[in-house]
Amino acid sequence: MQNIELTSERAARLILERRRDREAERRERVFNDKVRTDGDADALHQSRAAGVLQIRRMKQKHELEEALHAFRSQNQQAWTRTEFDLNDPDRWRKMDPSDAQMILPGLVGEDPTKSSRHQRQKEQLREWLVQQQAEQGDLQGSAGAGGWKYNQSREEILNTAGERLHLQKEQRKEAAIATKNYNLAMIEEKHQLKEQNDPDYVLESAAVPGFSPSADVRPPPKTVEQVIRFQKYQIQEKKRLELERKQEEERFDRVRLDSARAALLMERRQARISKQLRRQLDSTNVHLAQTHKQQKPDIERGQIDESFFSKFNTCSR
């Protein structure tokens, strides 16, 4: 590479020198009156210069080719290439005799390492089998442990659910007993209040066996007369309850009607008051409009008299 660069620099320097010489000759020929020539002499001189230049170029080209050949012979030998072994004519001389056999190694009787290779394959296969058996054993052990844990957790969940169900059942039973006791106590209290407020209630209760189970400990009625009396009492009690319900409904209806009537009257009164206020507002607006119209100047009404002009220039301001 160094020789090529030097050669190129030298060629460039020669070209530059020739250009300078040619330019100097042209200036001497053009600006010097003594040696200035025209016509054929100038053409002859140009042809000679062209011949000399051609010879120099041929010489430079030859020198460049020689330098390139020398560089290739010194730094780019054929045996230094990467793919030279594919086209090396002396390859068979450099090869190892064991690599130069003409029979393929896959044929029978031509594999000297067959026994050792088979032995290594067997050992490797044995190691793989042992490893697979160990992995399967680990998986089975983990699966068994997981199944045992699952069964144990399932039993615990079932036991907990059973305990909760039993506890809820006991709570419902206790709540039912408490409700029953509360209802019996309320019935007893109600009977006591009625006995205190109504003296005839004691006689009626005594006259009707089985009406008050908490107070009546006698056996249930057995005769037809007692049954009929008890049924009549039930009918009267039912009629009384229906009458009370009807009276309550009538009272609610009266209250609702009174409320609706009062609301309607109030709405009508409000409408009447609003109408009166609107009338008063309209009359007031009409009165104000008339007053404002009367107070407008005459110029806006189109009537101008002498008093209008007398208002001007009445002061110094």
Protein backbone atom coordinates (compact mmCIF):
# COMPACT_ATOMS: atom_id res chain seq x y z
CA MET A 1 0.00 0.00 0.00
CA GLN A 2 2.87 2.38 0.73
CA ASN A 3 4.38 1.88 -2.76
CA ILE A 4 1.01 2.55 -4.43
CA GLU A 5 0.52 5.75 -2.49
CA LEU A 6 4.00 6.97 -3.36
CA THR A 7 3.47 6.17 -7.02
CA SER A 8 0.14 8.02 -7.11
CA GLU A 9 1.66 11.01 -5.42
CA ARG A 10 4.50 11.04 -7.89
CA ALA A 11 2.08 10.83 -10.81
CA ALA A 12 0.03 13.69 -9.42
CA ARG A 13 3.16 15.75 -8.92
CA LEU A 14 4.28 15.11 -12.50
CA ILE A 15 0.88 16.08 -13.87
CA LEU A 16 0.93 19.27 -11.83
CA GLU A 17 4.44 20.10 -13.02
CA ARG A 18 3.48 19.54 -16.65
CA ARG A 19 0.46 21.76 -16.21
CA ARG A 20 2.61 24.50 -14.71
CA ASP A 21 5.20 24.18 -17.47
CA ARG A 22 2.54 24.31 -20.14
CA GLU A 23 0.96 27.35 -18.56
CA ALA A 24 4.36 29.07 -18.29
CA GLU A 25 5.11 28.32 -21.95
CA ARG A 26 1.72 29.65 -22.98
CA ARG A 27 2.25 32.86 -21.07
CA GLU A 28 5.73 33.28 -22.55
CA ARG A 29 4.36 32.70 -25.99
CA VAL A 30 1.39 35.01 -25.58
CA PHE A 31 2.85 37.92 -23.64
CA ASN A 32 6.38 38.02 -25.14
CA ASP A 33 6.41 39.96 -28.41
CA LYS A 34 9.74 38.57 -29.54
CA VAL A 35 8.78 34.90 -29.47
CA ARG A 36 5.06 35.29 -30.18
CA THR A 37 4.04 33.24 -33.22
CA ASP A 38 0.76 32.66 -34.98
CA GLY A 39 -0.67 30.08 -37.36
CA ASP A 40 1.38 26.97 -38.34
CA ALA A 41 4.21 27.49 -35.90
CA ASP A 42 1.80 27.46 -32.98
CA ALA A 43 0.07 24.32 -34.25
CA LEU A 44 3.41 22.55 -34.70
CA HIS A 45 4.41 23.45 -31.19
CA GLN A 46 1.12 22.14 -29.84
CA SER A 47 1.50 18.83 -31.68
CA ARG A 48 5.01 18.35 -30.34
CA ALA A 49 3.81 19.08 -26.82
CA ALA A 50 0.97 16.59 -27.24
CA GLY A 51 3.41 13.90 -28.41
CA VAL A 52 5.68 14.48 -25.45
CA LEU A 53 2.68 14.35 -23.11
CA GLN A 54 1.49 11.06 -24.63
CA ILE A 55 4.92 9.51 -24.17
CA ARG A 56 4.99 10.60 -20.55
CA ARG A 57 1.53 9.14 -19.91
CA MET A 58 2.52 5.79 -21.42
CA LYS A 59 5.61 5.74 -19.27
CA GLN A 60 3.63 6.55 -16.12
CA LYS A 61 1.09 3.83 -16.91
CA HIS A 62 3.87 1.29 -17.36
CA GLU A 63 5.42 2.32 -14.06
CA LEU A 64 2.06 1.99 -12.28
CA GLU A 65 1.52 -1.50 -13.67
CA GLU A 66 4.97 -2.60 -12.57
CA ALA A 67 4.39 -1.21 -9.07
CA LEU A 68 1.02 -2.98 -8.83
CA HIS A 69 2.53 -6.29 -9.95
CA ALA A 70 5.31 -5.95 -7.40
CA PHE A 71 2.83 -5.22 -4.61
CA ARG A 72 0.68 -8.23 -5.46
CA SER A 73 3.66 -10.54 -5.65
CA GLN A 74 4.87 -9.36 -2.24
CA ASN A 75 1.64 -8.93 -0.22
CA GLN A 76 -1.14 -10.85 -2.02
CA GLN A 77 0.13 -14.38 -2.52
CA ALA A 78 -2.36 -17.05 -3.56
CA TRP A 79 -1.78 -19.28 -0.54
CA THR A 80 -2.82 -16.49 1.86
CA ARG A 81 -6.41 -16.51 0.62
CA THR A 82 -9.20 -18.07 2.69
CA GLU A 83 -10.56 -20.28 -0.11
CA PHE A 84 -7.13 -21.31 -1.43
CA ASP A 85 -7.52 -24.85 -0.02
CA LEU A 86 -10.36 -25.48 -2.48
CA ASN A 87 -8.12 -24.86 -5.49
CA ASP A 88 -4.76 -25.90 -4.09
CA PRO A 89 -3.02 -28.18 -6.66
CA ASP A 90 -0.73 -29.64 -3.97
CA ARG A 91 -3.50 -30.41 -1.51
CA TRP A 92 -3.08 -34.19 -1.73
CA ARG A 93 0.55 -33.83 -0.69
CA LYS A 94 -0.34 -31.85 2.45
CA MET A 95 -3.20 -34.10 3.67
CA ASP A 96 -2.92 -36.64 6.47
CA PRO A 97 -2.95 -40.26 5.22
CA SER A 98 -5.83 -41.05 7.61
CA ASP A 99 -7.91 -38.28 6.01
CA ALA A 100 -7.06 -39.36 2.50
CA GLN A 101 -8.99 -42.66 2.60
CA MET A 102 -11.28 -43.24 -0.33
CA ILE A 103 -13.98 -45.29 1.53
CA LEU A 104 -16.80 -43.54 3.39
CA PRO A 105 -16.64 -43.86 7.20
CA GLY A 106 -20.28 -45.00 7.46
CA LEU A 107 -19.68 -48.36 5.75
CA VAL A 108 -19.43 -51.64 7.67
CA GLY A 109 -16.00 -52.36 9.01
CA GLU A 110 -14.78 -48.81 8.55
CA ASP A 111 -15.75 -47.37 11.99
CA PRO A 112 -12.85 -48.00 14.39
CA THR A 113 -14.63 -46.22 17.31
CA LYS A 114 -17.88 -48.13 17.01
CA SER A 115 -17.55 -50.14 20.24
CA SER A 116 -16.54 -47.16 22.36
CA ARG A 117 -19.31 -45.08 20.82
CA HIS A 118 -21.92 -47.76 21.59
CA GLN A 119 -20.63 -48.01 25.14
CA ARG A 120 -20.96 -44.26 25.64
CA GLN A 121 -24.48 -44.34 24.20
CA LYS A 122 -25.50 -47.13 26.59
CA GLU A 123 -24.10 -45.27 29.58
CA GLN A 124 -25.88 -42.10 28.54
CA LEU A 125 -29.16 -43.99 28.05
CA ARG A 126 -28.77 -45.59 31.50
CA GLU A 127 -28.22 -42.18 33.09
CA TRP A 128 -31.32 -40.82 31.34
CA LEU A 129 -33.44 -43.73 32.56
CA VAL A 130 -32.25 -43.28 36.14
CA GLN A 131 -32.97 -39.55 35.97
CA GLN A 132 -36.47 -40.13 34.56
CA GLN A 133 -37.26 -42.69 37.28
CA ALA A 134 -36.13 -40.25 39.96
CA GLU A 135 -38.28 -37.48 38.48
CA GLN A 136 -41.32 -39.77 38.30
CA GLY A 137 -40.81 -40.80 41.92
CA ASP A 138 -40.64 -37.16 42.99
CA LEU A 139 -43.81 -36.39 41.05
CA GLN A 140 -45.68 -39.32 42.62
CA GLY A 141 -44.52 -38.31 46.08
CA SER A 142 -45.61 -34.72 45.58
CA ALA A 143 -48.94 -35.88 44.12
CA GLY A 144 -49.52 -38.18 47.12
CA ALA A 145 -48.69 -35.41 49.56
CA GLY A 146 -50.97 -33.04 47.68
CA GLY A 147 -53.84 -35.56 47.72
CA TRP A 148 -53.41 -36.17 51.44
CA LYS A 149 -53.43 -32.43 52.12
CA TYR A 150 -56.52 -32.04 49.94
CA ASN A 151 -58.39 -34.79 51.78
CA GLN A 152 -57.40 -33.36 55.14
CA SER A 153 -58.51 -29.85 54.20
CA ARG A 154 -61.77 -31.26 52.78
CA GLU A 155 -62.50 -33.08 56.03
CA GLU A 156 -61.78 -29.93 58.02
CA ILE A 157 -64.13 -27.91 55.81
CA LEU A 158 -66.88 -30.52 56.16
CA ASN A 159 -66.47 -30.62 59.94
CA THR A 160 -66.58 -26.84 60.16
CA ALA A 161 -69.69 -26.73 57.97
CA GLY A 162 -71.40 -29.38 60.13
CA GLU A 163 -70.60 -27.45 63.30
CA ARG A 164 -71.97 -24.25 61.80
CA LEU A 165 -75.17 -25.98 60.70
CA HIS A 166 -75.64 -27.46 64.17
CA LEU A 167 -75.02 -24.07 65.75
CA GLN A 168 -77.51 -22.38 63.41
CA LYS A 169 -80.09 -25.07 64.20
CA GLU A 170 -79.64 -24.53 67.93
CA GLN A 171 -79.93 -20.76 67.47
CA ARG A 172 -83.15 -21.13 65.48
CA LYS A 173 -84.54 -23.47 68.13
CA GLU A 174 -83.70 -21.02 70.90
CA ALA A 175 -85.22 -18.16 68.90
CA ALA A 176 -88.43 -20.15 68.36
CA ILE A 177 -88.68 -20.95 72.08
CA ALA A 178 -88.06 -17.32 72.98
CA THR A 179 -90.71 -16.16 70.49
CA LYS A 180 -93.21 -18.65 71.87
CA ASN A 181 -92.58 -17.54 75.44
CA TYR A 182 -92.87 -13.90 74.41
CA ASN A 183 -96.19 -14.52 72.65
CA LEU A 184 -97.59 -16.39 75.65
CA ALA A 185 -96.47 -13.59 77.94
CA MET A 186 -98.09 -10.98 75.69
CA ILE A 187 -101.36 -12.96 75.59
CA GLU A 188 -101.34 -13.30 79.35
CA GLU A 189 -100.63 -9.59 79.77
CA LYS A 190 -103.44 -8.74 77.34
CA HIS A 191 -105.91 -10.89 79.28
CA GLN A 192 -104.85 -9.28 82.52
CA LEU A 193 -105.34 -5.79 81.09
CA LYS A 194 -108.80 -6.74 79.81
CA GLU A 195 -109.70 -8.21 83.19
CA GLN A 196 -108.65 -4.98 84.88
CA ASN A 197 -110.50 -2.71 82.41
CA ASP A 198 -113.59 -4.84 81.70
CA PRO A 199 -115.17 -6.71 84.67
CA ASP A 200 -117.51 -8.60 82.33
CA TYR A 201 -114.56 -10.12 80.50
CA VAL A 202 -113.89 -12.44 83.44
CA LEU A 203 -117.44 -13.74 83.37
CA GLU A 204 -117.39 -14.20 79.61
CA SER A 205 -114.09 -16.03 79.77
CA ALA A 206 -115.37 -18.21 82.56
CA ALA A 207 -118.61 -18.85 80.68
CA VAL A 208 -116.72 -20.00 77.58
CA PRO A 209 -114.51 -22.94 78.45
CA GLY A 210 -111.30 -23.23 76.50
CA PHE A 211 -111.20 -19.52 75.50
CA SER A 212 -108.20 -18.70 77.64
CA PRO A 213 -105.88 -21.69 77.70
CA SER A 214 -103.56 -20.06 80.22
CA ALA A 215 -106.35 -19.33 82.72
CA ASP A 216 -108.80 -22.13 81.98
CA VAL A 217 -107.52 -25.47 83.19
CA ARG A 218 -110.82 -27.24 82.80
CA PRO A 219 -111.29 -29.87 80.13
CA PRO A 220 -112.61 -28.75 76.72
CA PRO A 221 -116.37 -28.56 76.20
CA LYS A 222 -118.08 -31.81 75.47
CA THR A 223 -121.76 -30.90 75.25
CA VAL A 224 -123.47 -29.44 72.18
CA GLU A 225 -124.73 -26.44 74.14
CA GLN A 226 -121.24 -25.40 75.14
CA VAL A 227 -119.99 -25.75 71.57
CA ILE A 228 -122.88 -23.62 70.25
CA ARG A 229 -122.24 -20.97 72.90
CA PHE A 230 -118.57 -20.86 71.98
CA GLN A 231 -119.36 -20.53 68.27
CA LYS A 232 -121.80 -17.67 68.93
CA TYR A 233 -119.12 -15.90 70.92
CA GLN A 234 -116.68 -16.29 68.02
CA ILE A 235 -119.26 -14.86 65.61
CA GLN A 236 -119.87 -11.85 67.83
CA GLU A 237 -116.14 -11.29 68.23
CA LYS A 238 -115.65 -11.44 64.48
CA LYS A 239 -118.47 -8.96 63.89
CA ARG A 240 -117.00 -6.63 66.46
CA LEU A 241 -113.59 -6.76 64.79
CA GLU A 242 -115.12 -6.11 61.37
CA LEU A 243 -117.10 -3.18 62.75
CA GLU A 244 -113.96 -1.68 64.27
CA ARG A 245 -112.10 -2.14 60.99
CA LYS A 246 -114.91 -0.44 59.04
CA GLN A 247 -115.02 2.43 61.50
CA GLU A 248 -111.27 2.86 61.19
CA GLU A 249 -111.48 2.87 57.39
CA GLU A 250 -114.34 5.40 57.46
CA ARG A 251 -112.33 7.63 59.74
CA PHE A 252 -109.34 7.45 57.39
CA ASP A 253 -111.62 8.24 54.43
CA ARG A 254 -113.07 11.26 56.20
CA VAL A 255 -109.60 12.54 57.04
CA ARG A 256 -108.47 12.04 53.45
CA LEU A 257 -111.53 13.80 52.03
CA ASP A 258 -111.17 16.68 54.47
CA SER A 259 -107.52 17.07 53.53
CA ALA A 260 -108.33 17.04 49.81
CA ARG A 261 -111.16 19.56 50.30
CA ALA A 262 -108.90 21.85 52.33
CA ALA A 263 -106.17 21.63 49.70
CA LEU A 264 -108.65 22.45 46.93
CA LEU A 265 -110.02 25.43 48.83
CA MET A 266 -106.50 26.67 49.52
CA GLU A 267 -105.59 26.33 45.84
CA ARG A 268 -108.68 28.27 44.75
CA ARG A 269 -107.98 30.97 47.30
CA GLN A 270 -104.40 31.25 46.09
CA ALA A 271 -105.58 31.55 42.48
CA ARG A 272 -108.08 34.25 43.46
CA ILE A 273 -105.44 36.21 45.35
CA SER A 274 -103.01 35.91 42.42
CA LYS A 275 -105.69 37.18 40.05
CA GLN A 276 -106.43 40.17 42.26
CA LEU A 277 -102.74 41.01 42.56
CA ARG A 278 -102.37 40.79 38.79
CA ARG A 279 -105.27 43.17 38.28
CA GLN A 280 -103.83 45.64 40.77
CA LEU A 281 -100.44 45.46 39.06
CA ASP A 282 -101.99 46.05 35.63
CA SER A 283 -103.97 49.07 36.86
CA THR A 284 -100.86 50.49 38.52
CA ASN A 285 -98.84 50.07 35.33
CA VAL A 286 -101.55 51.80 33.29
CA HIS A 287 -101.66 54.71 35.73
CA LEU A 288 -97.87 55.06 35.68
CA ALA A 289 -97.82 54.99 31.88
CA GLN A 290 -100.40 57.74 31.66
CA THR A 291 -98.52 59.87 34.18
CA HIS A 292 -95.25 59.40 32.33
CA LYS A 293 -96.89 60.26 29.06
CA GLN A 294 -98.28 63.48 30.51
CA GLN A 295 -94.85 64.43 31.87
CA LYS A 296 -93.07 64.07 28.49
CA PRO A 297 -91.92 67.33 26.82
CA ASP A 298 -93.94 68.81 24.03
CA ILE A 299 -91.19 68.19 21.49
CA GLU A 300 -91.69 64.43 21.83
CA ARG A 301 -95.41 64.84 21.31
CA GLY A 302 -94.82 67.07 18.27
CA GLN A 303 -96.14 70.26 19.94
CA ILE A 304 -93.66 73.16 20.39
CA ASP A 305 -94.60 76.62 21.65
CA GLU A 306 -92.74 79.76 22.73
CA SER A 307 -92.13 78.48 26.24
CA PHE A 308 -89.84 75.77 24.85
CA PHE A 309 -87.45 78.30 23.28
CA SER A 310 -87.50 80.54 26.35
CA LYS A 311 -85.69 77.83 28.32
CA PHE A 312 -82.41 78.41 26.42
CA ASN A 313 -79.76 81.05 27.34
CA THR A 314 -81.26 81.72 30.73
CA CYS A 315 -77.90 81.61 32.55
CA SER A 316 -74.20 82.14 31.93
CA ARG A 317 -73.28 78.48 32.15
